[in-house]
């Protein structure tokens, strides 16, 4: 799993892929109680924030459990991602799958201090 930071003038890593994680589990949750239980101690959101997401059978909330693999140093910047064909013109605006051919182009930009 790759994390892209959108534009934010407060951060030097703005508009970059900054972090890599390994997905453990993906669950669609349809009740507040299940959402709180599945994200216990692993969420940046408070119980009130989670309740406000209003999960339901018709509008489930996707939860993704992942292990942090590391932070990319230096981050893979948007201009390089477009130049190298990882993104065609702009980054995805939500969860998206990266095709193998694009991952191959991205891999040299990922520096975690160990080999992937």
Protein backbone atom coordinates (compact mmCIF):
# COMPACT_ATOMS: atom_id res chain seq x y z
CA UNK A 1 0.00 0.00 0.00
CA UNK A 2 1.37 3.39 -0.98
CA UNK A 3 0.39 6.63 0.72
CA UNK A 4 0.22 9.81 -1.34
CA UNK A 5 0.19 13.18 0.46
CA UNK A 6 -1.96 15.74 -1.33
CA UNK A 7 -0.91 19.33 -1.73
CA UNK A 8 -0.31 21.03 1.60
CA UNK A 9 2.03 24.02 1.69
CA UNK A 10 2.89 23.27 5.33
CA UNK A 11 4.81 20.10 4.42
CA UNK A 12 7.92 19.63 2.30
CA UNK A 13 6.66 16.18 1.26
CA UNK A 14 3.47 17.68 -0.17
CA UNK A 15 2.37 16.08 -3.44
CA UNK A 16 4.49 12.98 -2.95
CA UNK A 17 4.24 9.29 -2.22
CA UNK A 18 5.62 9.28 1.30
CA UNK A 19 4.94 5.93 2.93
CA UNK A 20 4.71 2.20 2.20
CA UNK A 21 2.59 -0.30 4.13
CA UNK A 22 1.68 -3.97 3.86
CA UNK A 23 -2.06 -4.68 3.82
CA UNK A 24 -3.15 -7.23 6.40
CA UNK A 25 -6.91 -7.10 5.95
CA UNK A 26 -9.66 -5.09 4.23
CA UNK A 27 -13.18 -5.10 5.68
CA UNK A 28 -16.37 -3.26 4.75
CA UNK A 29 -18.09 -2.32 8.01
CA UNK A 30 -21.79 -1.49 8.22
CA UNK A 31 -22.33 -0.54 11.88
CA UNK A 32 -20.73 2.04 14.16
CA UNK A 33 -20.00 -0.60 16.81
CA UNK A 34 -18.17 -2.79 14.28
CA UNK A 35 -16.28 0.22 12.94
CA UNK A 36 -15.08 1.16 16.40
CA UNK A 37 -14.22 -2.47 17.22
CA UNK A 38 -12.29 -3.06 13.96
CA UNK A 39 -10.30 0.14 14.29
CA UNK A 40 -9.67 0.00 18.05
CA UNK A 41 -6.31 1.58 18.89
CA UNK A 42 -5.31 1.66 15.20
CA UNK A 43 -7.24 4.69 14.00
CA UNK A 44 -6.42 8.38 13.95
CA UNK A 45 -10.16 9.04 14.36
CA UNK A 46 -12.01 9.43 17.67
CA UNK A 47 -15.12 7.35 18.46
CA UNK A 48 -17.20 10.47 17.68
CA UNK A 49 -15.46 10.84 14.31
CA UNK A 50 -16.09 7.17 13.52
CA UNK A 51 -19.76 7.49 14.54
CA UNK A 52 -20.06 10.48 12.22
CA UNK A 53 -19.08 8.29 9.27
CA UNK A 54 -22.56 6.72 9.55
CA UNK A 55 -21.75 3.23 8.29
CA UNK A 56 -24.76 1.25 7.09
CA UNK A 57 -25.59 -1.78 4.98
CA UNK A 58 -26.14 0.56 2.01
CA UNK A 59 -23.05 2.68 2.74
CA UNK A 60 -20.35 0.56 4.35
CA UNK A 61 -17.06 2.07 5.52
CA UNK A 62 -13.94 0.35 4.18
CA UNK A 63 -11.31 -0.34 6.86
CA UNK A 64 -7.78 -1.30 5.93
CA UNK A 65 -5.46 -2.85 8.50
CA UNK A 66 -1.84 -2.46 7.46
CA UNK A 67 1.66 -2.71 8.83
CA UNK A 68 3.98 0.22 8.24
CA UNK A 69 6.90 -0.84 6.04
CA UNK A 70 8.60 2.55 6.10
CA UNK A 71 8.71 6.14 5.00
CA UNK A 72 10.24 6.93 1.61
CA UNK A 73 13.32 9.16 1.90
CA UNK A 74 13.30 11.25 -0.16
CA UNK A 75 9.55 11.11 -0.94
CA UNK A 76 8.59 10.27 -4.53
CA UNK A 77 7.45 13.68 -5.81
CA UNK A 78 4.50 14.23 -8.15
CA UNK A 79 6.62 15.67 -10.97
CA UNK A 80 8.81 12.54 -10.98
CA UNK A 81 5.76 10.26 -10.75
CA UNK A 82 4.23 11.92 -13.82
CA UNK A 83 7.57 12.08 -15.68
CA UNK A 84 8.19 8.36 -15.11
CA UNK A 85 4.64 7.32 -16.05
CA UNK A 86 3.57 6.17 -12.58
CA UNK A 87 0.71 8.70 -12.72
CA UNK A 88 -0.54 9.77 -16.14
CA UNK A 89 -1.45 13.37 -15.30
CA UNK A 90 -2.53 13.53 -11.67
CA UNK A 91 -2.62 11.23 -8.65
CA UNK A 92 -5.70 9.15 -7.77
CA UNK A 93 -8.22 10.90 -5.53
CA UNK A 94 -9.11 7.78 -3.52
CA UNK A 95 -8.04 4.17 -3.08
CA UNK A 96 -6.82 2.84 -6.42
CA UNK A 97 -4.86 -0.12 -7.69
CA UNK A 98 -1.50 0.57 -9.29
CA UNK A 99 -0.91 -1.60 -12.36
CA UNK A 100 2.24 -3.73 -12.33
CA UNK A 101 3.77 -1.79 -15.24
CA UNK A 102 3.43 1.45 -13.26
CA UNK A 103 4.77 -0.13 -10.06
CA UNK A 104 7.89 -1.19 -11.99
CA UNK A 105 8.41 2.49 -12.90
CA UNK A 106 7.82 3.55 -9.30
CA UNK A 107 10.07 0.99 -7.61
CA UNK A 108 13.37 2.86 -8.28
CA UNK A 109 11.90 5.95 -6.57
CA UNK A 110 11.12 4.06 -3.35
CA UNK A 111 14.01 4.40 -0.91
CA UNK A 112 13.30 2.84 2.48
CA UNK A 113 16.83 2.03 3.55
CA UNK A 114 16.39 -1.64 2.59
CA UNK A 115 15.53 -3.55 -0.59
CA UNK A 116 11.87 -4.24 -1.45
